[in-house]
Amino acid sequence: MLKKIIILTGIILFTTVCHAQTQKVIIKKSDDGFRLEVNGNRFFINGMNWDYFPIGTNYNYSLWKQPDEVIAKALDNEMTLLKNMGVNSIRQYNGIPPRWIKYIYEKYGIYTILNH
């Protein structure tokens, strides 16, 4: 069951991300199971859920409704930490504009999967 969840997550993640990028992403089946490959290299998802709420705010806060300078500063601070932790994939809830998904990937190499 866990393998199916991981495979499904990988398919959704990389189908969404790779549609906008020109990378070859495949799920390869072998005798020992399934694996994800990006451009011919094995890819292990080291991901986490990520959202942003400054101290003193609650669930009503939306980073994506802030000025671009605020969004960029928050992403730069947070994604630097995640990258340093070895995170290569994050799961976001809907509402993040596509240009910020692109920004995160191009600047930090972190893939984004969108929750429905």
N, C-alpha and C. Protein backbone atom coordinates (compact mmCIF):
# COMPACT_ATOMS: atom_id res chain seq x y z
N MET A 1 0.82 -1.19 0.00
CA MET A 1 0.00 0.00 0.00
C MET A 1 0.87 1.26 0.00
N LEU A 2 1.93 1.25 0.82
CA LEU A 2 2.81 2.41 0.89
C LEU A 2 3.50 2.66 -0.45
N LYS A 3 3.90 1.58 -1.13
CA LYS A 3 4.53 1.74 -2.45
C LYS A 3 3.57 2.40 -3.43
N LYS A 4 2.30 2.01 -3.38
CA LYS A 4 1.31 2.60 -4.29
C LYS A 4 1.14 4.09 -4.01
N ILE A 5 1.12 4.45 -2.73
CA ILE A 5 0.98 5.87 -2.36
C ILE A 5 2.19 6.66 -2.85
N ILE A 6 3.37 6.11 -2.65
CA ILE A 6 4.59 6.80 -3.10
C ILE A 6 4.59 6.94 -4.62
N ILE A 7 4.22 5.88 -5.30
CA ILE A 7 4.19 5.92 -6.77
C ILE A 7 3.17 6.94 -7.26
N LEU A 8 1.98 6.93 -6.68
CA LEU A 8 0.94 7.88 -7.08
C LEU A 8 1.39 9.31 -6.81
N THR A 9 1.99 9.54 -5.65
CA THR A 9 2.49 10.87 -5.32
C THR A 9 3.54 11.30 -6.35
N GLY A 10 4.43 10.39 -6.69
CA GLY A 10 5.46 10.69 -7.68
C GLY A 10 4.88 11.01 -9.04
N ILE A 11 3.90 10.25 -9.44
CA ILE A 11 3.26 10.50 -10.75
C ILE A 11 2.63 11.88 -10.77
N ILE A 12 1.86 12.19 -9.75
CA ILE A 12 1.19 13.49 -9.69
C ILE A 12 2.21 14.62 -9.63
N LEU A 13 3.21 14.45 -8.77
CA LEU A 13 4.24 15.48 -8.62
C LEU A 13 4.94 15.77 -9.92
N PHE A 14 5.43 14.75 -10.55
CA PHE A 14 6.26 14.97 -11.72
C PHE A 14 5.47 15.17 -13.00
N THR A 15 4.25 14.70 -13.06
CA THR A 15 3.42 15.01 -14.21
C THR A 15 3.09 16.50 -14.22
N THR A 16 2.75 17.02 -13.05
CA THR A 16 2.42 18.44 -12.94
C THR A 16 3.64 19.31 -13.21
N VAL A 17 4.74 18.99 -12.57
CA VAL A 17 5.93 19.81 -12.70
C VAL A 17 6.54 19.69 -14.09
N CYS A 18 6.61 18.50 -14.61
CA CYS A 18 7.30 18.29 -15.87
C CYS A 18 6.52 18.75 -17.08
N HIS A 19 5.24 18.97 -16.91
CA HIS A 19 4.47 19.52 -18.02
C HIS A 19 5.02 20.88 -18.40
N ALA A 20 5.47 21.64 -17.41
CA ALA A 20 6.00 22.98 -17.66
C ALA A 20 7.50 22.96 -17.93
N GLN A 21 8.14 21.83 -17.72
CA GLN A 21 9.56 21.73 -17.91
C GLN A 21 9.85 20.63 -18.92
N THR A 22 11.01 20.65 -19.48
CA THR A 22 11.35 19.65 -20.49
C THR A 22 12.28 18.60 -19.89
N GLN A 23 11.79 17.91 -18.89
CA GLN A 23 12.53 16.83 -18.27
C GLN A 23 11.84 15.52 -18.58
N LYS A 24 12.62 14.48 -18.68
CA LYS A 24 12.05 13.16 -18.92
C LYS A 24 11.87 12.48 -17.57
N VAL A 25 10.63 12.27 -17.20
CA VAL A 25 10.30 11.65 -15.92
C VAL A 25 9.56 10.36 -16.19
N ILE A 26 10.06 9.29 -15.60
CA ILE A 26 9.40 8.00 -15.79
C ILE A 26 9.37 7.23 -14.47
N ILE A 27 8.42 6.33 -14.39
CA ILE A 27 8.38 5.37 -13.29
C ILE A 27 8.79 4.04 -13.89
N LYS A 28 9.88 3.51 -13.41
CA LYS A 28 10.45 2.30 -13.96
C LYS A 28 10.13 1.11 -13.06
N LYS A 29 9.65 0.04 -13.67
CA LYS A 29 9.35 -1.18 -12.92
C LYS A 29 10.45 -2.19 -13.19
N SER A 30 10.91 -2.82 -12.11
CA SER A 30 11.92 -3.87 -12.22
C SER A 30 11.53 -4.99 -11.27
N ASP A 31 12.35 -6.00 -11.19
CA ASP A 31 12.07 -7.13 -10.31
C ASP A 31 11.98 -6.73 -8.84
N ASP A 32 12.72 -5.69 -8.47
CA ASP A 32 12.70 -5.27 -7.06
C ASP A 32 11.68 -4.18 -6.76
N GLY A 33 10.84 -3.83 -7.72
CA GLY A 33 9.78 -2.85 -7.48
C GLY A 33 9.80 -1.71 -8.47
N PHE A 34 9.28 -0.58 -8.03
CA PHE A 34 9.18 0.61 -8.86
C PHE A 34 10.18 1.65 -8.39
N ARG A 35 10.62 2.48 -9.33
CA ARG A 35 11.46 3.62 -8.96
C ARG A 35 11.16 4.78 -9.90
N LEU A 36 11.38 5.95 -9.40
CA LEU A 36 11.18 7.18 -10.15
C LEU A 36 12.51 7.60 -10.74
N GLU A 37 12.48 8.00 -12.01
CA GLU A 37 13.69 8.50 -12.67
C GLU A 37 13.41 9.85 -13.31
N VAL A 38 14.34 10.76 -13.15
CA VAL A 38 14.28 12.07 -13.78
C VAL A 38 15.52 12.20 -14.65
N ASN A 39 15.30 12.38 -15.93
CA ASN A 39 16.41 12.48 -16.90
C ASN A 39 17.38 11.31 -16.80
N GLY A 40 16.83 10.11 -16.59
CA GLY A 40 17.65 8.91 -16.54
C GLY A 40 18.32 8.63 -15.21
N ASN A 41 18.14 9.51 -14.24
CA ASN A 41 18.73 9.33 -12.91
C ASN A 41 17.66 8.97 -11.89
N ARG A 42 17.99 8.05 -11.01
CA ARG A 42 17.06 7.71 -9.93
C ARG A 42 16.76 8.96 -9.12
N PHE A 43 15.50 9.09 -8.73
CA PHE A 43 15.09 10.26 -7.96
C PHE A 43 14.35 9.79 -6.72
N PHE A 44 14.88 10.15 -5.57
CA PHE A 44 14.24 9.83 -4.30
C PHE A 44 13.56 11.09 -3.80
N ILE A 45 12.27 11.00 -3.55
CA ILE A 45 11.52 12.16 -3.07
C ILE A 45 11.82 12.36 -1.59
N ASN A 46 12.40 13.49 -1.28
CA ASN A 46 12.65 13.88 0.11
C ASN A 46 11.80 15.12 0.34
N GLY A 47 10.52 14.91 0.63
CA GLY A 47 9.59 16.01 0.65
C GLY A 47 8.86 16.21 1.95
N MET A 48 8.09 17.27 1.98
CA MET A 48 7.31 17.63 3.15
C MET A 48 6.16 18.54 2.76
N ASN A 49 5.16 18.62 3.63
CA ASN A 49 4.12 19.63 3.47
C ASN A 49 4.74 20.97 3.84
N TRP A 50 4.36 22.01 3.11
CA TRP A 50 4.91 23.33 3.43
C TRP A 50 3.82 24.38 3.25
N ASP A 51 3.75 25.26 4.21
CA ASP A 51 2.87 26.42 4.13
C ASP A 51 3.54 27.52 4.95
N TYR A 52 3.04 28.72 4.84
CA TYR A 52 3.69 29.84 5.48
C TYR A 52 2.68 30.68 6.26
N PHE A 53 2.90 30.78 7.57
CA PHE A 53 2.09 31.62 8.43
C PHE A 53 3.02 32.37 9.37
N PRO A 54 3.18 33.68 9.20
CA PRO A 54 4.04 34.43 10.12
C PRO A 54 3.49 34.37 11.56
N ILE A 55 4.37 34.53 12.52
CA ILE A 55 3.97 34.54 13.93
C ILE A 55 2.91 35.62 14.12
N GLY A 56 1.85 35.28 14.82
CA GLY A 56 0.77 36.23 15.10
C GLY A 56 -0.37 36.17 14.10
N THR A 57 -0.24 35.30 13.07
CA THR A 57 -1.33 35.16 12.10
C THR A 57 -2.01 33.80 12.31
N ASN A 58 -3.09 33.59 11.59
CA ASN A 58 -3.78 32.31 11.69
C ASN A 58 -4.10 31.79 10.30
N TYR A 59 -5.01 30.82 10.22
CA TYR A 59 -5.33 30.17 8.95
C TYR A 59 -5.90 31.13 7.90
N ASN A 60 -6.33 32.31 8.29
CA ASN A 60 -6.86 33.28 7.32
C ASN A 60 -5.76 33.97 6.52
N TYR A 61 -4.52 33.88 6.98
CA TYR A 61 -3.41 34.54 6.31
C TYR A 61 -3.10 33.82 4.99
N SER A 62 -2.86 34.60 3.95
CA SER A 62 -2.43 34.02 2.67
C SER A 62 -1.19 34.75 2.19
N LEU A 63 -0.10 34.01 2.11
CA LEU A 63 1.14 34.60 1.59
C LEU A 63 0.94 35.11 0.17
N TRP A 64 0.12 34.43 -0.61
CA TRP A 64 -0.03 34.73 -2.03
C TRP A 64 -0.83 36.01 -2.29
N LYS A 65 -1.41 36.59 -1.26
CA LYS A 65 -2.13 37.86 -1.41
C LYS A 65 -1.27 39.05 -0.98
N GLN A 66 -0.02 38.77 -0.63
CA GLN A 66 0.90 39.82 -0.19
C GLN A 66 1.63 40.40 -1.40
N PRO A 67 2.28 41.56 -1.23
CA PRO A 67 3.09 42.14 -2.32
C PRO A 67 4.22 41.18 -2.72
N ASP A 68 4.64 41.27 -3.96
CA ASP A 68 5.69 40.39 -4.48
C ASP A 68 6.96 40.40 -3.63
N GLU A 69 7.33 41.55 -3.09
CA GLU A 69 8.55 41.65 -2.29
C GLU A 69 8.43 40.81 -1.02
N VAL A 70 7.25 40.80 -0.42
CA VAL A 70 7.01 40.02 0.80
C VAL A 70 7.05 38.53 0.46
N ILE A 71 6.42 38.14 -0.64
CA ILE A 71 6.40 36.74 -1.05
C ILE A 71 7.82 36.25 -1.34
N ALA A 72 8.57 37.03 -2.12
CA ALA A 72 9.94 36.63 -2.48
C ALA A 72 10.81 36.49 -1.23
N LYS A 73 10.70 37.43 -0.31
CA LYS A 73 11.50 37.37 0.92
C LYS A 73 11.14 36.13 1.74
N ALA A 74 9.85 35.85 1.88
CA ALA A 74 9.42 34.67 2.64
C ALA A 74 9.92 33.39 1.97
N LEU A 75 9.76 33.32 0.65
CA LEU A 75 10.22 32.12 -0.07
C LEU A 75 11.73 31.96 0.02
N ASP A 76 12.46 33.06 -0.12
CA ASP A 76 13.92 32.98 -0.04
C ASP A 76 14.36 32.48 1.33
N ASN A 77 13.74 32.97 2.38
CA ASN A 77 14.10 32.52 3.74
C ASN A 77 13.74 31.04 3.93
N GLU A 78 12.52 30.69 3.59
CA GLU A 78 12.03 29.33 3.83
C GLU A 78 12.70 28.29 2.93
N MET A 79 12.79 28.58 1.64
CA MET A 79 13.33 27.59 0.70
C MET A 79 14.83 27.37 0.91
N THR A 80 15.53 28.39 1.38
CA THR A 80 16.94 28.22 1.72
C THR A 80 17.07 27.19 2.85
N LEU A 81 16.22 27.32 3.86
CA LEU A 81 16.25 26.36 4.97
C LEU A 81 15.91 24.95 4.49
N LEU A 82 14.85 24.84 3.66
CA LEU A 82 14.44 23.52 3.17
C LEU A 82 15.54 22.90 2.32
N LYS A 83 16.12 23.69 1.44
CA LYS A 83 17.19 23.19 0.57
C LYS A 83 18.36 22.69 1.42
N ASN A 84 18.71 23.44 2.45
CA ASN A 84 19.80 23.04 3.34
C ASN A 84 19.47 21.76 4.11
N MET A 85 18.19 21.48 4.32
CA MET A 85 17.75 20.24 4.98
C MET A 85 17.73 19.06 4.02
N GLY A 86 17.90 19.33 2.73
CA GLY A 86 17.87 18.25 1.75
C GLY A 86 16.50 18.01 1.14
N VAL A 87 15.56 18.90 1.39
CA VAL A 87 14.22 18.77 0.81
C VAL A 87 14.31 19.04 -0.69
N ASN A 88 13.71 18.16 -1.50
CA ASN A 88 13.70 18.37 -2.95
C ASN A 88 12.28 18.48 -3.50
N SER A 89 11.27 18.31 -2.63
CA SER A 89 9.87 18.37 -3.05
C SER A 89 9.02 18.88 -1.90
N ILE A 90 8.07 19.76 -2.23
CA ILE A 90 7.12 20.21 -1.22
C ILE A 90 5.71 19.99 -1.72
N ARG A 91 4.80 19.80 -0.77
CA ARG A 91 3.39 19.72 -1.12
C ARG A 91 2.72 21.00 -0.64
N GLN A 92 2.02 21.64 -1.54
CA GLN A 92 1.31 22.88 -1.29
C GLN A 92 -0.18 22.66 -1.49
N TYR A 93 -0.96 23.47 -0.85
CA TYR A 93 -2.40 23.46 -1.12
C TYR A 93 -2.67 24.44 -2.24
N ASN A 94 -3.84 24.32 -2.84
CA ASN A 94 -4.15 25.20 -3.97
C ASN A 94 -4.10 26.66 -3.54
N GLY A 95 -3.91 27.52 -4.50
CA GLY A 95 -3.85 28.95 -4.21
C GLY A 95 -2.51 29.56 -4.58
N ILE A 96 -1.46 28.75 -4.65
CA ILE A 96 -0.15 29.28 -5.02
C ILE A 96 -0.14 29.55 -6.53
N PRO A 97 0.15 30.78 -6.93
CA PRO A 97 0.22 31.08 -8.36
C PRO A 97 1.35 30.33 -9.05
N PRO A 98 1.14 29.91 -10.29
CA PRO A 98 2.16 29.15 -11.03
C PRO A 98 3.53 29.83 -11.07
N ARG A 99 3.56 31.15 -11.13
CA ARG A 99 4.87 31.83 -11.22
C ARG A 99 5.71 31.62 -9.98
N TRP A 100 5.07 31.40 -8.82
CA TRP A 100 5.84 31.15 -7.60
C TRP A 100 6.31 29.70 -7.54
N ILE A 101 5.56 28.78 -8.12
CA ILE A 101 6.02 27.40 -8.25
C ILE A 101 7.29 27.39 -9.11
N LYS A 102 7.23 28.13 -10.21
CA LYS A 102 8.39 28.23 -11.12
C LYS A 102 9.57 28.88 -10.39
N TYR A 103 9.32 29.92 -9.64
CA TYR A 103 10.36 30.61 -8.88
C TYR A 103 11.06 29.65 -7.92
N ILE A 104 10.27 28.87 -7.17
CA ILE A 104 10.82 27.92 -6.21
C ILE A 104 11.69 26.88 -6.92
N TYR A 105 11.20 26.38 -8.05
CA TYR A 105 11.97 25.35 -8.77
C TYR A 105 13.24 25.94 -9.39
N GLU A 106 13.10 27.06 -10.07
CA GLU A 106 14.26 27.63 -10.78
C GLU A 106 15.34 28.14 -9.82
N LYS A 107 14.95 28.68 -8.68
CA LYS A 107 15.93 29.24 -7.76
C LYS A 107 16.49 28.21 -6.78
N TYR A 108 15.65 27.22 -6.40
CA TYR A 108 16.07 26.28 -5.36
C TYR A 108 16.07 24.82 -5.80
N GLY A 109 15.53 24.53 -6.99
CA GLY A 109 15.48 23.16 -7.46
C GLY A 109 14.50 22.29 -6.71
N ILE A 110 13.53 22.90 -6.06
CA ILE A 110 12.55 22.19 -5.27
C ILE A 110 11.26 22.04 -6.09
N TYR A 111 10.83 20.78 -6.26
CA TYR A 111 9.60 20.50 -6.99
C TYR A 111 8.39 20.78 -6.08
N THR A 112 7.26 21.13 -6.69
CA THR A 112 6.03 21.38 -5.95
C THR A 112 4.94 20.45 -6.43
N ILE A 113 4.24 19.83 -5.51
CA ILE A 113 3.04 19.07 -5.83
C ILE A 113 1.87 19.84 -5.22
N LEU A 114 0.82 19.98 -5.99
CA LEU A 114 -0.35 20.71 -5.52
C LEU A 114 -1.41 19.75 -5.03
N ASN A 115 -1.89 20.01 -3.85
CA ASN A 115 -3.00 19.24 -3.31
C ASN A 115 -4.29 19.77 -3.94
N HIS A 116 -5.27 18.94 -4.10
CA HIS A 116 -6.52 19.39 -4.73
C HIS A 116 -7.26 20.38 -3.87
